[in-house]
Amino acid sequence: MEKHGYRKHPLYKVWDDIKQRCYNRNSKSFKYYGKRNIVICDKWKYSAKKFIEWALENGWKRGLYIDRIDNDGNYTPKNCRFVTAEKSVHNQRLLWNTNTSGYRGIYYENNKWRAQIMIDNKRRHLGSFNSARLAAIRYDVEAYLNGDERPRNFI
């Protein structure tokens, strides 16, 4: 058993949460991580101390969240960074298994495709459209006009 003195540090919980979602089949988040074959590099998997020391040397501060740069990639020093909650949300997978439109920010309701976007933690309705593609274009335009770095539906 590794002795490191970090057990009560807030990053210890971050490290433990990552391990749970990657390896514990009973974790609510396992289907989004472990089931997708996302793992932790061996250096971190077996050492909370090494993970915490890396985090402290690479920009962690209270209030920031660990974020994988490539959302389909593993938890490794080259693929992880610390970001605000807003930035982390922008790096989510484009499509969840519950997405029926095939586009980010688009849903079907009352025989129309509707576009919505979150800006400054507020949901904005962008309009109703006859096709999911048109709604997705409207979403992308709004994301571009707001100058943020969230993934778009189209290149």
Protein backbone atom coordinates (compact mmCIF):
# COMPACT_ATOMS: atom_id res chain seq x y z
CA MET A 1 0.00 0.00 0.00
CA GLU A 2 1.43 3.34 -1.09
CA LYS A 3 1.99 5.95 1.63
CA HIS A 4 1.82 9.47 0.24
CA GLY A 5 0.04 11.81 2.67
CA TYR A 6 -2.44 12.98 0.01
CA ARG A 7 -5.49 10.97 1.16
CA LYS A 8 -7.31 14.13 2.34
CA HIS A 9 -6.25 16.28 -0.63
CA PRO A 10 -9.14 17.19 -3.01
CA LEU A 11 -7.21 15.66 -5.91
CA TYR A 12 -7.27 12.27 -4.22
CA LYS A 13 -11.04 12.18 -4.80
CA VAL A 14 -10.52 13.23 -8.44
CA TRP A 15 -8.05 10.35 -8.87
CA ASP A 16 -10.40 7.88 -7.18
CA ASP A 17 -13.37 9.06 -9.28
CA ILE A 18 -11.38 8.54 -12.47
CA LYS A 19 -10.49 5.01 -11.38
CA GLN A 20 -14.12 4.24 -10.52
CA ARG A 21 -15.53 5.37 -13.86
CA CYS A 22 -12.82 3.55 -15.81
CA TYR A 23 -12.73 0.24 -13.91
CA ASN A 24 -15.75 -0.19 -11.62
CA ARG A 25 -18.59 -1.79 -13.59
CA ASN A 26 -20.99 -0.71 -10.82
CA SER A 27 -20.16 2.98 -11.27
CA LYS A 28 -22.95 5.03 -12.89
CA SER A 29 -20.34 6.53 -15.24
CA PHE A 30 -18.69 3.25 -16.27
CA LYS A 31 -20.72 3.06 -19.49
CA TYR A 32 -19.25 6.39 -20.63
CA TYR A 33 -15.63 5.52 -19.78
CA GLY A 34 -14.65 1.92 -19.00
CA LYS A 35 -17.19 0.45 -21.39
CA ARG A 36 -15.71 2.69 -24.11
CA ASN A 37 -12.25 1.30 -23.22
CA ILE A 38 -11.01 4.54 -21.69
CA VAL A 39 -8.32 3.74 -19.14
CA ILE A 40 -5.74 5.46 -16.92
CA CYS A 41 -2.06 5.28 -17.76
CA ASP A 42 -0.20 2.84 -15.49
CA LYS A 43 1.81 5.66 -13.92
CA TRP A 44 -1.41 7.16 -12.47
CA LYS A 45 -3.50 4.02 -12.13
CA TYR A 46 -1.26 2.60 -9.44
CA SER A 47 -0.16 5.84 -7.77
CA ALA A 48 -2.37 8.59 -6.42
CA LYS A 49 0.84 10.39 -5.45
CA LYS A 50 2.10 10.54 -9.04
CA PHE A 51 -1.28 11.75 -10.32
CA ILE A 52 -1.56 14.44 -7.64
CA GLU A 53 2.01 15.63 -8.12
CA TRP A 54 1.45 15.84 -11.89
CA ALA A 55 -1.77 17.80 -11.32
CA LEU A 56 -0.11 20.27 -8.96
CA GLU A 57 2.69 20.85 -11.49
CA ASN A 58 0.28 21.24 -14.41
CA GLY A 59 -2.20 23.95 -13.49
CA TRP A 60 -4.64 22.42 -11.03
CA LYS A 61 -6.37 24.93 -8.75
CA ARG A 62 -9.53 24.62 -6.69
CA GLY A 63 -12.55 25.01 -8.92
CA LEU A 64 -10.94 23.47 -12.01
CA TYR A 65 -11.88 20.12 -13.49
CA ILE A 66 -9.79 17.45 -15.16
CA ASP A 67 -10.50 17.34 -18.88
CA ARG A 68 -9.31 14.93 -21.56
CA ILE A 69 -8.23 16.90 -24.63
CA ASP A 70 -9.20 14.01 -26.90
CA ASN A 71 -12.51 12.90 -25.43
CA ASP A 72 -12.05 9.42 -26.85
CA GLY A 73 -8.51 9.19 -25.44
CA ASN A 74 -7.21 7.83 -22.16
CA TYR A 75 -6.26 9.56 -18.94
CA THR A 76 -2.58 10.33 -19.59
CA PRO A 77 -0.36 13.35 -18.88
CA LYS A 78 -0.37 14.30 -22.57
CA ASN A 79 -4.16 14.04 -22.90
CA CYS A 80 -5.26 15.74 -19.67
CA ARG A 81 -5.52 19.34 -18.54
CA PHE A 82 -7.42 21.35 -15.95
CA VAL A 83 -10.21 23.65 -17.13
CA THR A 84 -13.25 25.55 -15.89
CA ALA A 85 -16.61 23.81 -15.80
CA GLU A 86 -17.74 25.79 -18.86
CA LYS A 87 -14.71 24.73 -20.91
CA SER A 88 -15.14 21.12 -19.80
CA VAL A 89 -18.75 21.06 -21.03
CA HIS A 90 -17.59 22.25 -24.45
CA ASN A 91 -15.32 19.23 -24.76
CA GLN A 92 -18.03 16.63 -24.22
CA ARG A 93 -18.63 13.91 -26.75
CA LEU A 94 -20.60 15.21 -29.69
CA LEU A 95 -23.25 12.51 -29.55
CA TRP A 96 -24.57 10.64 -26.55
CA ASN A 97 -26.38 7.34 -27.01
CA THR A 98 -29.66 9.18 -26.29
CA ASN A 99 -29.13 11.68 -29.13
CA THR A 100 -31.72 11.11 -31.86
CA SER A 101 -30.89 14.00 -34.20
CA GLY A 102 -27.29 13.10 -34.94
CA TYR A 103 -26.26 16.70 -34.11
CA ARG A 104 -25.10 18.64 -31.08
CA GLY A 105 -27.77 20.91 -29.55
CA ILE A 106 -30.66 19.58 -31.65
CA TYR A 107 -33.78 17.75 -30.52
CA TYR A 108 -37.17 16.82 -32.01
CA GLU A 109 -40.39 18.15 -30.49
CA ASN A 110 -43.89 18.80 -31.85
CA ASN A 111 -42.97 17.76 -35.41
CA LYS A 112 -40.05 20.21 -35.60
CA TRP A 113 -36.31 20.08 -35.06
CA ARG A 114 -35.32 22.57 -32.40
CA ALA A 115 -31.90 24.10 -31.80
CA GLN A 116 -30.67 25.20 -28.41
CA ILE A 117 -27.33 26.23 -26.96
CA MET A 118 -25.93 26.97 -23.50
CA ILE A 119 -24.15 30.33 -23.24
CA ASP A 120 -23.04 31.81 -19.93
CA ASN A 121 -24.84 28.95 -18.16
CA LYS A 122 -28.16 29.95 -19.75
CA ARG A 123 -30.09 27.84 -22.24
CA ARG A 124 -31.00 29.76 -25.41
CA HIS A 125 -33.65 28.52 -27.81
CA LEU A 126 -32.43 29.23 -31.35
CA GLY A 127 -35.50 28.32 -33.35
CA SER A 128 -37.55 25.51 -34.88
CA PHE A 129 -36.67 23.97 -38.23
CA ASN A 130 -38.02 21.49 -40.77
CA SER A 131 -34.78 19.52 -40.80
CA ALA A 132 -32.19 18.53 -38.21
CA ARG A 133 -29.47 19.72 -40.61
CA LEU A 134 -30.84 23.29 -40.74
CA ALA A 135 -31.16 23.35 -36.96
CA ALA A 136 -27.55 22.14 -36.65
CA ILE A 137 -26.34 24.89 -38.98
CA ARG A 138 -28.14 27.46 -36.82
CA TYR A 139 -26.46 25.99 -33.71
CA ASP A 140 -23.03 26.22 -35.34
CA VAL A 141 -23.61 29.85 -36.39
CA GLU A 142 -24.57 30.79 -32.84
CA ALA A 143 -21.54 28.99 -31.40
CA TYR A 144 -19.29 30.81 -33.90
CA LEU A 145 -20.84 34.22 -33.19
CA ASN A 146 -20.24 33.73 -29.48
CA GLY A 147 -16.60 32.97 -30.19
CA ASP A 148 -16.31 29.93 -28.02
CA GLU A 149 -14.30 26.80 -28.70
CA ARG A 150 -17.05 24.20 -28.41
CA PRO A 151 -17.12 21.46 -31.05
CA ARG A 152 -19.35 22.21 -34.01
CA ASN A 153 -21.65 19.94 -35.97
CA PHE A 154 -19.92 20.73 -39.26
CA ILE A 155 -16.30 21.50 -40.07
